[in-house]
Amino acid sequence: MIKLRLKRFGKKFEASYRIVAISSDARRDGRPLEELGYYNPRTDEVKLNTEAVEKRLQQGAQPTRTVRRILEKANVLQQRVRA
């Protein structure tokens, strides 16, 4: 199964995350299938490739709770429900 989840990077105590599509049995910082965006919790900055996210969701990828909340705030999941 493919999951949409966060991949940690950055300095110690200054973490930033990439939103990635990755196999559910791969390790957290393993090689992703595709990088879909960026999330910085310190500044609440989010950048998403919405077309790629929607494509992965249509293919059956399941977002984690945190990624689901990020996508809801960015109105990506609402657009998918309407379509």
Protein backbone atom coordinates (compact mmCIF):
# COMPACT_ATOMS: atom_id res chain seq x y z
CA MET A 1 0.00 0.00 0.00
CA ILE A 2 1.18 3.52 -0.76
CA LYS A 3 1.05 6.11 2.02
CA LEU A 4 1.34 9.88 1.95
CA ARG A 5 3.47 10.73 4.96
CA LEU A 6 6.14 13.07 6.30
CA LYS A 7 9.87 12.61 5.77
CA ARG A 8 12.00 14.45 8.34
CA PHE A 9 15.00 16.57 7.43
CA GLY A 10 16.81 19.57 8.84
CA LYS A 11 18.97 20.25 11.87
CA LYS A 12 18.43 18.83 15.33
CA PHE A 13 15.56 20.66 17.09
CA GLU A 14 14.80 22.50 13.83
CA ALA A 15 12.98 19.83 11.89
CA SER A 16 11.27 20.39 8.58
CA TYR A 17 9.35 17.80 6.63
CA ARG A 18 8.77 16.75 3.06
CA ILE A 19 5.41 15.27 2.15
CA VAL A 20 6.13 12.10 0.19
CA ALA A 21 4.43 9.12 -1.40
CA ILE A 22 6.14 6.01 -0.06
CA SER A 23 5.46 2.32 0.46
CA SER A 24 3.83 1.66 3.84
CA ASP A 25 6.50 -0.84 4.87
CA ALA A 26 9.45 1.47 4.05
CA ARG A 27 11.30 3.27 6.83
CA ARG A 28 10.45 6.89 7.65
CA ASP A 29 13.41 8.47 5.89
CA GLY A 30 13.71 5.86 3.14
CA ARG A 31 13.60 6.50 -0.59
CA PRO A 32 10.19 7.88 -1.58
CA LEU A 33 8.30 7.09 -4.76
CA GLU A 34 7.64 10.81 -5.22
CA GLU A 35 8.06 14.05 -3.27
CA LEU A 36 4.77 15.94 -3.18
CA GLY A 37 5.46 18.98 -1.06
CA TYR A 38 7.07 20.65 1.93
CA TYR A 39 5.92 21.45 5.47
CA ASN A 40 7.73 23.66 7.99
CA PRO A 41 6.04 23.42 11.42
CA ARG A 42 8.04 26.33 12.85
CA THR A 43 6.56 28.83 10.38
CA ASP A 44 3.48 26.82 9.30
CA GLU A 45 4.69 27.12 5.70
CA VAL A 46 3.20 24.55 3.33
CA LYS A 47 4.00 24.10 -0.35
CA LEU A 48 2.20 21.35 -2.26
CA ASN A 49 2.18 20.00 -5.78
CA THR A 50 -1.61 19.64 -5.76
CA GLU A 51 -1.81 17.88 -9.11
CA ALA A 52 0.60 15.17 -7.95
CA VAL A 53 -1.21 14.81 -4.60
CA GLU A 54 -4.58 14.40 -6.32
CA LYS A 55 -3.08 11.87 -8.74
CA ARG A 56 -1.70 9.78 -5.85
CA LEU A 57 -5.02 9.95 -3.96
CA GLN A 58 -6.88 8.77 -7.06
CA GLN A 59 -4.46 5.85 -7.29
CA GLY A 60 -5.48 4.82 -3.77
CA ALA A 61 -2.73 6.29 -1.60
CA GLN A 62 -3.73 6.72 2.06
CA PRO A 63 -2.56 9.86 3.92
CA THR A 64 -1.48 9.65 7.55
CA ARG A 65 -3.42 11.70 10.13
CA THR A 66 -0.93 14.57 10.07
CA VAL A 67 -0.76 14.71 6.28
CA ARG A 68 -4.57 14.52 6.10
CA ARG A 69 -4.80 17.61 8.35
CA ILE A 70 -2.24 19.47 6.21
CA LEU A 71 -4.18 18.59 3.04
CA GLU A 72 -7.48 19.68 4.63
CA LYS A 73 -5.98 23.05 5.61
CA ALA A 74 -4.73 23.48 2.04
CA ASN A 75 -8.22 22.57 0.70
CA VAL A 76 -6.88 19.68 -1.37
CA LEU A 77 -9.19 17.03 0.10
CA GLN A 78 -12.28 19.25 -0.24
CA GLN A 79 -11.54 19.74 -3.96
CA ARG A 80 -11.26 15.98 -4.39
CA VAL A 81 -14.62 15.34 -2.70
CA ARG A 82 -16.40 17.87 -4.91
CA ALA A 83 -14.97 16.48 -8.15
